[in-house]
Amino acid sequence: MQVCLHLGAHRCATTSFQEYLRQNATDLAKQGIGFWGPRRTRNGLLHGVLPTPAVGRVEAHAKRARGRIRMNLHQSRARGVKTLVISDENLIGSTRTNLRLGGLYSGVGERMARYAEAFDGQLNTVALNIRSLESYWASALTYAVVRGHRVPSAQQVQNLATSRRSWRDVISDIACAMPGVTIKVLPFETFGGRPEVQLSVLSGQEAPRSYARVRLNSSMRLEDMRAHLMDSAAGALPKGEGRWRPFDETQCAMMRENYADDLMWLAGGAEGLAQLVQ
């Protein structure tokens, strides 16, 4: 059984991809394609992989997690699953942590090393979606503010724009943590609205088109944000309508250049660490 760990990232149409897989689960099962999404991975399946303040030794919790994962993988094989797609963007971190630290997934290396150990060598492929940095951070900020995060100050926005950590660093950390696992990088600009194409790339099979245009968790527009937020928070947003664009043209140009460098590095072979999927 081929096991693919789809990591997202956040704000890269990952929830829409998971909904597409969920809605087509019956048809995909006939093709030998299985799916584990957040409803399964966050419901105790992976508990203990990452250290928690739970009672008991960390090693004991990790050992039980390995056994639990092994048992579930065996059950999938017994049902005739040939390709298993495990998709959960929270495996690599959280949007809240990214904003607090001002960088992309700073702890991803340690996290993925623990997941690699938990799956005990049964992972074949890791899939990572990346997105142009100015649109990624704008979407992340919109998502966070709507959920109670403060509207960022000009200095906080500048810090995000000048952050030296890029997708290349995230990919390198994952590659170091999971040697021997194929890493496929799928740009949001190509695959964000095409979950059936993304699944075809990961499974090597023709994917169904049903529910392929479902969109979930898209960024709110400014007018919707003001209606959703309290007056004090809404007043901190800029005037106008449409998507919130917290970065100015200079900041956007910097981030676009960094993203272009990442794509060029990937197109050049990424030093053998990852594959850019076109």
Protein backbone atom coordinates (compact mmCIF):
# COMPACT_ATOMS: atom_id res chain seq x y z
CA MET A 1 0.00 0.00 0.00
CA GLN A 2 1.28 3.42 -0.96
CA VAL A 3 0.89 5.90 1.91
CA CYS A 4 0.90 9.61 1.06
CA LEU A 5 1.01 12.22 3.83
CA HIS A 6 -0.64 15.38 2.50
CA LEU A 7 0.44 18.29 4.71
CA GLY A 8 -1.39 21.20 3.18
CA ALA A 9 -0.26 23.91 4.04
CA HIS A 10 -2.88 26.13 5.64
CA ARG A 11 -4.66 28.63 3.38
CA CYS A 12 -3.83 26.50 0.32
CA ALA A 13 -7.32 25.03 -0.31
CA THR A 14 -6.51 22.06 1.93
CA THR A 15 -9.96 21.96 3.54
CA SER A 16 -11.58 21.99 0.09
CA PHE A 17 -9.30 19.10 -0.98
CA GLN A 18 -10.30 17.14 2.11
CA GLU A 19 -14.00 17.77 1.45
CA TYR A 20 -13.54 16.59 -2.14
CA LEU A 21 -11.96 13.35 -0.89
CA ARG A 22 -14.67 12.90 1.75
CA GLN A 23 -17.54 13.39 -0.69
CA ASN A 24 -16.02 10.97 -3.20
CA ALA A 25 -14.94 8.36 -0.63
CA THR A 26 -17.25 5.63 -1.96
CA ASP A 27 -16.14 5.98 -5.57
CA LEU A 28 -12.49 6.29 -4.56
CA ALA A 29 -12.72 3.10 -2.50
CA LYS A 30 -13.68 1.25 -5.68
CA GLN A 31 -10.39 2.45 -7.17
CA GLY A 32 -8.45 1.31 -4.11
CA ILE A 33 -7.91 4.86 -2.81
CA GLY A 34 -8.43 5.45 0.91
CA PHE A 35 -8.58 8.70 2.84
CA TRP A 36 -7.85 9.72 6.41
CA GLY A 37 -8.75 13.32 7.14
CA PRO A 38 -8.84 15.56 10.21
CA ARG A 39 -12.00 13.88 11.50
CA ARG A 40 -9.87 10.79 11.97
CA THR A 41 -6.38 12.12 12.63
CA ARG A 42 -7.61 14.58 15.28
CA ASN A 43 -9.91 12.09 16.95
CA GLY A 44 -7.27 10.23 18.92
CA LEU A 45 -5.50 8.37 16.13
CA LEU A 46 -2.29 10.41 16.40
CA HIS A 47 -2.51 11.17 20.10
CA GLY A 48 0.89 10.76 21.71
CA VAL A 49 2.98 11.31 18.59
CA LEU A 50 3.80 14.84 19.73
CA PRO A 51 4.65 15.40 23.41
CA THR A 52 1.71 16.64 25.50
CA PRO A 53 1.30 17.46 29.19
CA ALA A 54 -0.62 14.19 29.62
CA VAL A 55 -0.09 11.94 32.61
CA GLY A 56 2.52 9.27 32.00
CA ARG A 57 5.77 8.94 30.13
CA VAL A 58 6.19 10.49 26.70
CA GLU A 59 7.78 7.27 25.40
CA ALA A 60 4.80 5.19 26.46
CA HIS A 61 2.34 7.50 24.68
CA ALA A 62 4.49 7.46 21.53
CA LYS A 63 4.66 3.65 21.60
CA ARG A 64 0.88 3.36 21.88
CA ALA A 65 0.50 5.83 18.99
CA ARG A 66 2.76 3.67 16.79
CA GLY A 67 0.69 0.61 17.59
CA ARG A 68 -2.55 2.45 16.91
CA ILE A 69 -1.30 3.71 13.55
CA ARG A 70 0.03 0.27 12.59
CA MET A 71 -3.34 -1.31 13.39
CA ASN A 72 -5.26 1.25 11.32
CA LEU A 73 -2.89 0.84 8.38
CA HIS A 74 -3.39 -2.91 8.54
CA GLN A 75 -7.17 -2.45 8.50
CA SER A 76 -6.91 -0.24 5.42
CA ARG A 77 -4.83 -2.86 3.61
CA ALA A 78 -7.35 -5.54 4.56
CA ARG A 79 -10.11 -3.48 2.91
CA GLY A 80 -8.18 -3.46 -0.35
CA VAL A 81 -6.76 0.05 -0.17
CA LYS A 82 -3.82 0.40 -2.56
CA THR A 83 -3.19 4.14 -2.08
CA LEU A 84 -3.89 5.85 1.23
CA VAL A 85 -4.00 9.66 1.37
CA ILE A 86 -3.65 11.11 4.87
CA SER A 87 -4.44 14.84 4.83
CA ASP A 88 -4.17 17.16 7.83
CA GLU A 89 -2.58 20.60 7.62
CA ASN A 90 -2.15 20.82 11.40
CA LEU A 91 0.54 18.14 11.30
CA ILE A 92 3.10 20.78 10.33
CA GLY A 93 1.96 23.44 12.81
CA SER A 94 -0.66 26.16 12.98
CA THR A 95 -1.42 29.51 11.43
CA ARG A 96 -1.57 31.07 14.90
CA THR A 97 1.97 29.91 15.68
CA ASN A 98 3.24 31.16 12.32
CA LEU A 99 1.85 34.62 13.05
CA ARG A 100 3.12 34.66 16.63
CA LEU A 101 6.65 33.72 15.57
CA GLY A 102 6.53 35.69 12.34
CA GLY A 103 7.73 32.83 10.14
CA LEU A 104 6.66 29.73 8.23
CA TYR A 105 6.35 26.56 10.34
CA SER A 106 9.45 27.01 12.47
CA GLY A 107 9.10 23.68 14.30
CA VAL A 108 8.21 21.55 11.29
CA GLY A 109 11.44 19.53 11.34
CA GLU A 110 10.95 18.14 14.84
CA ARG A 111 7.25 17.53 14.26
CA MET A 112 7.79 15.60 11.05
CA ALA A 113 10.60 13.55 12.58
CA ARG A 114 8.15 12.36 15.24
CA TYR A 115 5.49 11.52 12.64
CA ALA A 116 8.04 9.65 10.54
CA GLU A 117 8.94 7.57 13.60
CA ALA A 118 5.27 6.98 14.43
CA PHE A 119 4.54 5.64 10.94
CA ASP A 120 7.55 3.35 11.30
CA GLY A 121 8.86 3.61 7.74
CA GLN A 122 5.50 3.09 6.04
CA LEU A 123 5.26 6.57 4.49
CA ASN A 124 6.15 6.67 0.80
CA THR A 125 5.27 10.22 -0.21
CA VAL A 126 4.84 13.61 1.43
CA ALA A 127 2.84 16.26 -0.44
CA LEU A 128 3.22 19.95 0.42
CA ASN A 129 1.26 22.85 -1.05
CA ILE A 130 3.03 26.19 -1.20
CA ARG A 131 1.68 29.62 -2.04
CA SER A 132 3.07 33.01 -3.01
CA LEU A 133 4.10 34.59 0.27
CA GLU A 134 2.17 37.86 0.02
CA SER A 135 -1.11 36.03 -0.65
CA TYR A 136 -0.36 33.33 1.94
CA TRP A 137 0.25 35.86 4.72
CA ALA A 138 -2.70 38.03 3.67
CA SER A 139 -4.99 35.01 3.80
CA ALA A 140 -3.51 33.89 7.13
CA LEU A 141 -4.00 37.34 8.65
CA THR A 142 -7.60 37.51 7.40
CA TYR A 143 -8.32 34.07 8.84
CA ALA A 144 -6.77 34.98 12.19
CA VAL A 145 -8.44 38.41 12.58
CA VAL A 146 -11.87 36.97 11.84
CA ARG A 147 -11.25 34.50 14.67
CA GLY A 148 -10.24 37.06 17.25
CA HIS A 149 -6.61 37.84 16.47
CA ARG A 150 -5.73 41.54 16.72
CA VAL A 151 -5.38 43.51 13.51
CA PRO A 152 -1.60 43.61 13.06
CA SER A 153 0.39 46.80 13.46
CA ALA A 154 2.45 48.24 10.62
CA GLN A 155 5.60 46.86 12.27
CA GLN A 156 4.15 43.37 12.51
CA VAL A 157 3.21 43.48 8.83
CA GLN A 158 6.72 44.65 7.97
CA ASN A 159 8.24 41.83 10.02
CA LEU A 160 6.24 39.27 8.04
CA ALA A 161 7.25 40.87 4.76
CA THR A 162 10.95 40.80 5.65
CA SER A 163 11.00 37.34 7.27
CA ARG A 164 13.97 35.39 5.95
CA ARG A 165 12.26 32.02 6.31
CA SER A 166 10.74 30.81 3.05
CA TRP A 167 9.19 27.62 1.66
CA ARG A 168 12.68 26.41 0.79
CA ASP A 169 13.48 26.29 4.51
CA VAL A 170 10.26 24.40 5.27
CA ILE A 171 10.97 21.85 2.54
CA SER A 172 14.58 21.41 3.68
CA ASP A 173 13.46 20.81 7.27
CA ILE A 174 10.93 18.18 6.18
CA ALA A 175 13.50 16.45 3.96
CA CYS A 176 16.02 16.28 6.80
CA ALA A 177 13.39 14.86 9.15
CA MET A 178 12.12 12.25 6.69
CA PRO A 179 15.04 10.85 4.67
CA GLY A 180 14.04 8.42 1.95
CA VAL A 181 10.51 9.77 1.61
CA THR A 182 9.61 11.39 -1.72
CA ILE A 183 8.50 15.01 -1.24
CA LYS A 184 6.17 16.43 -3.88
CA VAL A 185 5.58 20.19 -3.90
CA LEU A 186 2.32 21.39 -5.47
CA PRO A 187 1.93 25.16 -5.89
CA PHE A 188 -1.42 26.59 -4.83
CA GLU A 189 -1.51 28.72 -7.94
CA THR A 190 -1.73 25.55 -10.07
CA PHE A 191 -3.58 23.07 -7.86
CA GLY A 192 -5.61 25.21 -5.42
CA GLY A 193 -8.84 25.00 -7.38
CA ARG A 194 -8.23 21.58 -8.94
CA PRO A 195 -8.43 18.87 -6.27
CA GLU A 196 -9.08 16.15 -8.85
CA VAL A 197 -5.79 16.97 -10.60
CA GLN A 198 -3.98 17.01 -7.28
CA LEU A 199 -5.35 13.59 -6.38
CA SER A 200 -4.39 12.21 -9.80
CA VAL A 201 -0.82 13.34 -9.20
CA LEU A 202 -0.70 11.71 -5.77
CA SER A 203 -2.47 8.47 -6.68
CA GLY A 204 -1.42 7.95 -10.29
CA GLN A 205 -5.06 7.30 -11.24
CA GLU A 206 -7.84 9.21 -12.96
CA ALA A 207 -9.77 11.05 -10.23
CA PRO A 208 -13.54 11.77 -10.17
CA ARG A 209 -14.72 15.28 -10.99
CA SER A 210 -17.70 15.26 -8.62
CA TYR A 211 -17.46 17.93 -5.88
CA ALA A 212 -14.26 19.23 -7.44
CA ARG A 213 -15.45 22.84 -7.36
CA VAL A 214 -16.54 23.00 -3.71
CA ARG A 215 -14.84 25.92 -1.94
CA LEU A 216 -14.52 25.98 1.84
CA ASN A 217 -12.87 28.48 4.22
CA SER A 218 -12.16 31.08 1.56
CA SER A 219 -10.95 34.43 2.87
CA MET A 220 -13.60 36.95 3.83
CA ARG A 221 -13.83 40.23 1.98
CA LEU A 222 -13.34 43.49 3.85
CA GLU A 223 -17.06 44.32 3.95
CA ASP A 224 -17.83 40.88 5.40
CA MET A 225 -15.03 41.20 7.95
CA ARG A 226 -16.43 44.51 9.22
CA ALA A 227 -19.88 42.98 9.60
CA HIS A 228 -18.42 40.02 11.46
CA LEU A 229 -16.09 41.87 13.86
CA MET A 230 -16.74 44.13 16.82
CA ASP A 231 -16.67 47.86 16.06
CA SER A 232 -13.26 48.35 17.70
CA ALA A 233 -11.63 45.69 15.53
CA ALA A 234 -13.58 46.63 12.39
CA GLY A 235 -12.40 50.21 12.74
CA ALA A 236 -8.76 49.11 12.51
CA LEU A 237 -9.33 47.67 9.05
CA PRO A 238 -8.76 49.82 5.95
CA LYS A 239 -11.70 51.31 4.11
CA GLY A 240 -13.01 49.91 0.86
CA GLU A 241 -14.24 46.56 -0.37
CA GLY A 242 -12.75 43.37 -1.74
CA ARG A 243 -9.89 41.29 -0.35
CA TRP A 244 -7.87 42.75 2.48
CA ARG A 245 -4.36 43.55 1.26
CA PRO A 246 -2.27 44.36 4.33
CA PHE A 247 1.02 44.68 2.42
CA ASP A 248 2.09 47.63 0.31
CA GLU A 249 3.59 47.29 -3.17
CA THR A 250 7.20 47.25 -1.95
CA GLN A 251 6.49 44.53 0.57
CA CYS A 252 4.58 42.49 -2.00
CA ALA A 253 7.45 42.80 -4.46
CA MET A 254 9.91 41.49 -1.85
CA MET A 255 7.76 38.49 -1.03
CA ARG A 256 7.07 37.70 -4.67
CA GLU A 257 10.79 37.71 -5.34
CA ASN A 258 11.41 35.32 -2.44
CA TYR A 259 8.70 32.99 -3.74
CA ALA A 260 10.17 33.15 -7.24
CA ASP A 261 13.53 32.14 -5.78
CA ASP A 262 11.86 29.16 -4.07
CA LEU A 263 10.23 28.06 -7.32
CA MET A 264 13.49 28.45 -9.22
CA TRP A 265 15.27 26.33 -6.60
CA LEU A 266 12.57 23.67 -6.91
CA ALA A 267 12.61 23.75 -10.72
CA GLY A 268 16.39 23.26 -10.59
CA GLY A 269 15.98 20.02 -8.65
CA ALA A 270 15.92 21.36 -5.07
CA GLU A 271 19.31 19.71 -4.42
CA GLY A 272 17.55 16.35 -4.70
CA LEU A 273 15.32 17.05 -1.68
CA ALA A 274 11.95 17.53 -3.40
CA GLN A 275 10.07 17.44 -6.70
CA LEU A 276 8.15 20.40 -8.09
CA VAL A 277 4.91 19.10 -9.61
CA GLN A 278 3.88 21.00 -12.72
